[in-house]
N, C-alpha and C. Protein backbone atom coordinates (compact mmCIF):
# COMPACT_ATOMS: atom_id res chain seq x y z
N MET A 1 0.82 -1.19 0.00
CA MET A 1 0.00 0.00 0.00
C MET A 1 0.87 1.26 0.00
N ALA A 2 1.94 1.24 0.78
CA ALA A 2 2.82 2.41 0.84
C ALA A 2 3.43 2.68 -0.53
N ASP A 3 3.76 1.61 -1.26
CA ASP A 3 4.35 1.80 -2.58
C ASP A 3 3.34 2.41 -3.55
N GLU A 4 2.08 1.99 -3.44
CA GLU A 4 1.04 2.58 -4.30
C GLU A 4 0.84 4.06 -3.97
N LEU A 5 0.85 4.38 -2.68
CA LEU A 5 0.70 5.78 -2.27
C LEU A 5 1.91 6.60 -2.72
N ARG A 6 3.11 6.01 -2.65
CA ARG A 6 4.31 6.70 -3.12
C ARG A 6 4.21 7.00 -4.60
N THR A 7 3.73 6.03 -5.37
CA THR A 7 3.58 6.21 -6.81
C THR A 7 2.56 7.30 -7.12
N ALA A 8 1.42 7.27 -6.42
CA ALA A 8 0.38 8.29 -6.63
C ALA A 8 0.88 9.67 -6.23
N THR A 9 1.62 9.74 -5.13
CA THR A 9 2.17 11.02 -4.67
C THR A 9 3.18 11.54 -5.67
N ASN A 10 4.01 10.66 -6.18
CA ASN A 10 5.00 11.05 -7.18
C ASN A 10 4.32 11.59 -8.43
N SER A 11 3.23 10.95 -8.83
CA SER A 11 2.47 11.41 -9.99
C SER A 11 1.85 12.78 -9.73
N GLY A 12 1.30 12.96 -8.54
CA GLY A 12 0.73 14.26 -8.17
C GLY A 12 1.78 15.35 -8.12
N LEU A 13 2.95 15.01 -7.63
CA LEU A 13 4.06 15.96 -7.58
C LEU A 13 4.48 16.38 -8.99
N ALA A 14 4.56 15.42 -9.89
CA ALA A 14 4.92 15.72 -11.28
C ALA A 14 3.85 16.61 -11.92
N ASP A 15 2.58 16.30 -11.66
CA ASP A 15 1.48 17.12 -12.20
C ASP A 15 1.55 18.55 -11.66
N LEU A 16 1.84 18.68 -10.37
CA LEU A 16 1.93 20.00 -9.75
C LEU A 16 3.06 20.81 -10.36
N LYS A 17 4.21 20.17 -10.55
CA LYS A 17 5.35 20.87 -11.15
C LYS A 17 5.05 21.28 -12.59
N GLU A 18 4.41 20.37 -13.33
CA GLU A 18 4.07 20.68 -14.72
C GLU A 18 3.07 21.83 -14.80
N ALA A 19 2.08 21.82 -13.92
CA ALA A 19 1.07 22.88 -13.92
C ALA A 19 1.67 24.23 -13.56
N GLY A 20 2.71 24.20 -12.72
CA GLY A 20 3.32 25.46 -12.30
C GLY A 20 4.40 25.97 -13.23
N THR A 21 4.73 25.21 -14.27
CA THR A 21 5.82 25.59 -15.16
C THR A 21 5.61 26.97 -15.79
N GLY A 22 4.45 27.22 -16.32
CA GLY A 22 4.21 28.49 -16.99
C GLY A 22 3.54 29.54 -16.13
N THR A 23 3.35 29.24 -14.86
CA THR A 23 2.62 30.16 -13.99
C THR A 23 3.31 31.51 -13.87
N ALA A 24 4.60 31.52 -13.63
CA ALA A 24 5.32 32.78 -13.40
C ALA A 24 5.22 33.70 -14.61
N SER A 25 5.44 33.15 -15.80
CA SER A 25 5.38 34.01 -16.99
C SER A 25 3.94 34.33 -17.36
N GLY A 26 3.02 33.42 -17.11
CA GLY A 26 1.62 33.64 -17.47
C GLY A 26 0.89 34.57 -16.54
N THR A 27 1.41 34.77 -15.34
CA THR A 27 0.73 35.64 -14.37
C THR A 27 1.58 36.85 -14.00
N GLN A 28 2.57 37.13 -14.79
CA GLN A 28 3.46 38.27 -14.51
C GLN A 28 2.65 39.56 -14.39
N GLY A 29 2.91 40.29 -13.33
CA GLY A 29 2.20 41.54 -13.11
C GLY A 29 1.03 41.41 -12.16
N PHE A 30 0.58 40.22 -11.90
CA PHE A 30 -0.53 40.02 -10.95
C PHE A 30 0.03 39.94 -9.52
N ASP A 31 -0.74 40.42 -8.58
CA ASP A 31 -0.32 40.38 -7.18
C ASP A 31 -0.24 38.95 -6.65
N CYS A 32 -0.99 38.05 -7.24
CA CYS A 32 -1.06 36.68 -6.73
C CYS A 32 0.12 35.81 -7.17
N THR A 33 0.97 36.29 -8.07
CA THR A 33 2.06 35.48 -8.60
C THR A 33 2.99 34.97 -7.49
N ALA A 34 3.40 35.85 -6.61
CA ALA A 34 4.30 35.45 -5.52
C ALA A 34 3.61 34.46 -4.58
N ALA A 35 2.34 34.71 -4.29
CA ALA A 35 1.59 33.81 -3.40
C ALA A 35 1.45 32.43 -4.03
N LEU A 36 1.13 32.39 -5.32
CA LEU A 36 1.01 31.10 -6.01
C LEU A 36 2.33 30.33 -5.98
N SER A 37 3.41 31.04 -6.19
CA SER A 37 4.72 30.42 -6.18
C SER A 37 5.05 29.86 -4.79
N GLU A 38 4.74 30.63 -3.77
CA GLU A 38 5.01 30.19 -2.39
C GLU A 38 4.17 28.97 -2.03
N ILE A 39 2.91 29.02 -2.38
CA ILE A 39 2.01 27.90 -2.08
C ILE A 39 2.45 26.64 -2.81
N ARG A 40 2.78 26.78 -4.09
CA ARG A 40 3.23 25.63 -4.88
C ARG A 40 4.50 25.03 -4.27
N THR A 41 5.41 25.89 -3.84
CA THR A 41 6.66 25.42 -3.24
C THR A 41 6.40 24.63 -1.96
N THR A 42 5.49 25.12 -1.13
CA THR A 42 5.20 24.39 0.12
C THR A 42 4.52 23.05 -0.17
N TRP A 43 3.64 23.02 -1.18
CA TRP A 43 2.98 21.75 -1.52
C TRP A 43 3.97 20.77 -2.13
N GLU A 44 4.91 21.27 -2.91
CA GLU A 44 5.95 20.39 -3.46
C GLU A 44 6.76 19.77 -2.33
N ALA A 45 7.09 20.58 -1.33
CA ALA A 45 7.86 20.07 -0.19
C ALA A 45 7.05 19.02 0.58
N ARG A 46 5.78 19.29 0.80
CA ARG A 46 4.93 18.32 1.52
C ARG A 46 4.82 17.00 0.76
N LEU A 47 4.55 17.09 -0.53
CA LEU A 47 4.40 15.87 -1.33
C LEU A 47 5.71 15.10 -1.41
N THR A 48 6.83 15.81 -1.48
CA THR A 48 8.13 15.15 -1.50
C THR A 48 8.36 14.40 -0.19
N THR A 49 7.98 15.01 0.93
CA THR A 49 8.12 14.36 2.23
C THR A 49 7.24 13.12 2.32
N VAL A 50 6.00 13.22 1.86
CA VAL A 50 5.09 12.07 1.88
C VAL A 50 5.64 10.95 1.00
N ARG A 51 6.11 11.30 -0.18
CA ARG A 51 6.66 10.30 -1.10
C ARG A 51 7.86 9.58 -0.47
N SER A 52 8.74 10.34 0.15
CA SER A 52 9.92 9.75 0.79
C SER A 52 9.54 8.84 1.96
N GLU A 53 8.57 9.27 2.75
CA GLU A 53 8.12 8.46 3.89
C GLU A 53 7.48 7.16 3.42
N CYS A 54 6.70 7.22 2.36
CA CYS A 54 6.09 6.00 1.81
C CYS A 54 7.16 5.05 1.29
N GLU A 55 8.16 5.60 0.66
CA GLU A 55 9.26 4.77 0.15
C GLU A 55 9.99 4.10 1.31
N ARG A 56 10.20 4.86 2.39
CA ARG A 56 10.89 4.33 3.57
C ARG A 56 10.06 3.22 4.23
N LEU A 57 8.75 3.39 4.31
CA LEU A 57 7.89 2.44 5.00
C LEU A 57 7.58 1.18 4.20
N HIS A 58 7.70 1.25 2.89
CA HIS A 58 7.28 0.13 2.04
C HIS A 58 7.89 -1.20 2.46
N GLY A 59 9.19 -1.25 2.62
CA GLY A 59 9.86 -2.50 2.97
C GLY A 59 9.42 -3.03 4.33
N SER A 60 9.35 -2.13 5.32
CA SER A 60 8.94 -2.54 6.67
C SER A 60 7.52 -3.08 6.68
N LEU A 61 6.62 -2.40 6.00
CA LEU A 61 5.23 -2.85 5.97
C LEU A 61 5.09 -4.19 5.24
N ALA A 62 5.85 -4.38 4.18
CA ALA A 62 5.79 -5.65 3.44
C ALA A 62 6.30 -6.79 4.32
N ARG A 63 7.41 -6.56 5.03
CA ARG A 63 7.95 -7.60 5.92
C ARG A 63 6.98 -7.90 7.06
N THR A 64 6.36 -6.87 7.61
CA THR A 64 5.41 -7.05 8.70
C THR A 64 4.20 -7.85 8.23
N GLY A 65 3.70 -7.53 7.04
CA GLY A 65 2.56 -8.27 6.49
C GLY A 65 2.89 -9.74 6.30
N THR A 66 4.07 -10.02 5.81
CA THR A 66 4.51 -11.41 5.62
C THR A 66 4.58 -12.12 6.97
N HIS A 67 5.17 -11.43 7.95
CA HIS A 67 5.30 -12.02 9.30
C HIS A 67 3.93 -12.35 9.89
N PHE A 68 3.00 -11.40 9.83
CA PHE A 68 1.67 -11.65 10.39
C PHE A 68 0.94 -12.76 9.64
N GLY A 69 1.16 -12.85 8.34
CA GLY A 69 0.55 -13.94 7.58
C GLY A 69 1.05 -15.29 8.06
N GLU A 70 2.35 -15.38 8.37
CA GLU A 70 2.92 -16.62 8.88
C GLU A 70 2.40 -16.93 10.28
N VAL A 71 2.29 -15.91 11.12
CA VAL A 71 1.76 -16.09 12.47
C VAL A 71 0.32 -16.57 12.40
N ASP A 72 -0.48 -15.96 11.53
CA ASP A 72 -1.88 -16.37 11.40
C ASP A 72 -2.01 -17.84 11.00
N ARG A 73 -1.19 -18.29 10.06
CA ARG A 73 -1.23 -19.70 9.64
C ARG A 73 -0.85 -20.61 10.81
N HIS A 74 0.15 -20.20 11.57
CA HIS A 74 0.61 -20.99 12.71
C HIS A 74 -0.49 -21.09 13.77
N VAL A 75 -1.11 -19.96 14.10
CA VAL A 75 -2.18 -19.94 15.10
C VAL A 75 -3.37 -20.77 14.63
N LYS A 76 -3.71 -20.66 13.36
CA LYS A 76 -4.83 -21.44 12.82
C LYS A 76 -4.57 -22.93 12.97
N GLY A 77 -3.36 -23.34 12.67
CA GLY A 77 -3.00 -24.75 12.79
C GLY A 77 -3.07 -25.23 14.22
N ARG A 78 -2.59 -24.43 15.16
CA ARG A 78 -2.63 -24.82 16.57
C ARG A 78 -4.06 -24.82 17.10
N ALA A 79 -4.86 -23.85 16.70
CA ALA A 79 -6.25 -23.79 17.16
C ALA A 79 -7.05 -24.97 16.61
N ALA A 80 -6.76 -25.36 15.38
CA ALA A 80 -7.48 -26.49 14.77
C ALA A 80 -7.16 -27.80 15.49
N ALA A 81 -6.01 -27.87 16.14
CA ALA A 81 -5.61 -29.09 16.84
C ALA A 81 -6.32 -29.26 18.18
N VAL A 82 -6.95 -28.20 18.68
CA VAL A 82 -7.65 -28.27 19.97
C VAL A 82 -9.01 -28.93 19.75
N ARG A 83 -9.27 -30.03 20.48
CA ARG A 83 -10.53 -30.75 20.35
C ARG A 83 -11.41 -30.43 21.55
N ILE A 84 -12.58 -29.92 21.27
CA ILE A 84 -13.50 -29.56 22.36
C ILE A 84 -14.80 -30.33 22.29
N GLY A 85 -14.97 -31.15 21.32
CA GLY A 85 -16.21 -31.92 21.18
C GLY A 85 -17.29 -31.07 20.53
N ASN A 86 -18.49 -31.61 20.51
CA ASN A 86 -19.60 -30.92 19.87
C ASN A 86 -20.51 -30.19 20.84
N THR A 87 -20.20 -30.23 22.13
CA THR A 87 -21.05 -29.59 23.13
C THR A 87 -20.62 -28.13 23.30
N PRO A 88 -21.56 -27.20 23.13
CA PRO A 88 -21.19 -25.79 23.31
C PRO A 88 -20.85 -25.51 24.78
N ASP A 89 -20.07 -24.47 25.01
CA ASP A 89 -19.65 -24.10 26.37
C ASP A 89 -20.82 -23.95 27.32
N TRP A 90 -21.89 -23.33 26.87
CA TRP A 90 -23.02 -23.06 27.77
C TRP A 90 -23.74 -24.33 28.21
N ALA A 91 -23.55 -25.43 27.47
CA ALA A 91 -24.25 -26.68 27.79
C ALA A 91 -23.39 -27.62 28.62
N ARG A 92 -22.20 -27.25 28.96
CA ARG A 92 -21.31 -28.15 29.72
C ARG A 92 -21.56 -28.06 31.19
């Protein structure tokens, strides 16, 4: 999941950079140009941080998922070995 989020974030970051490419020249003379540039820069930094964190977590989450899958199989096997008969607890 972290890898999918990293990929989506990377795509969003590329889209944001592409959309901002012509902003400075296209909005020259408007008061909002500096604000748009500042906002875009902060969003680029945020998305870059999210992308990096997802990349960092991907391996750990994958290993953890594998570990829990193995634990679940082990617990299922041990639980299946317990014989309690056909009488429910409330009837004993």
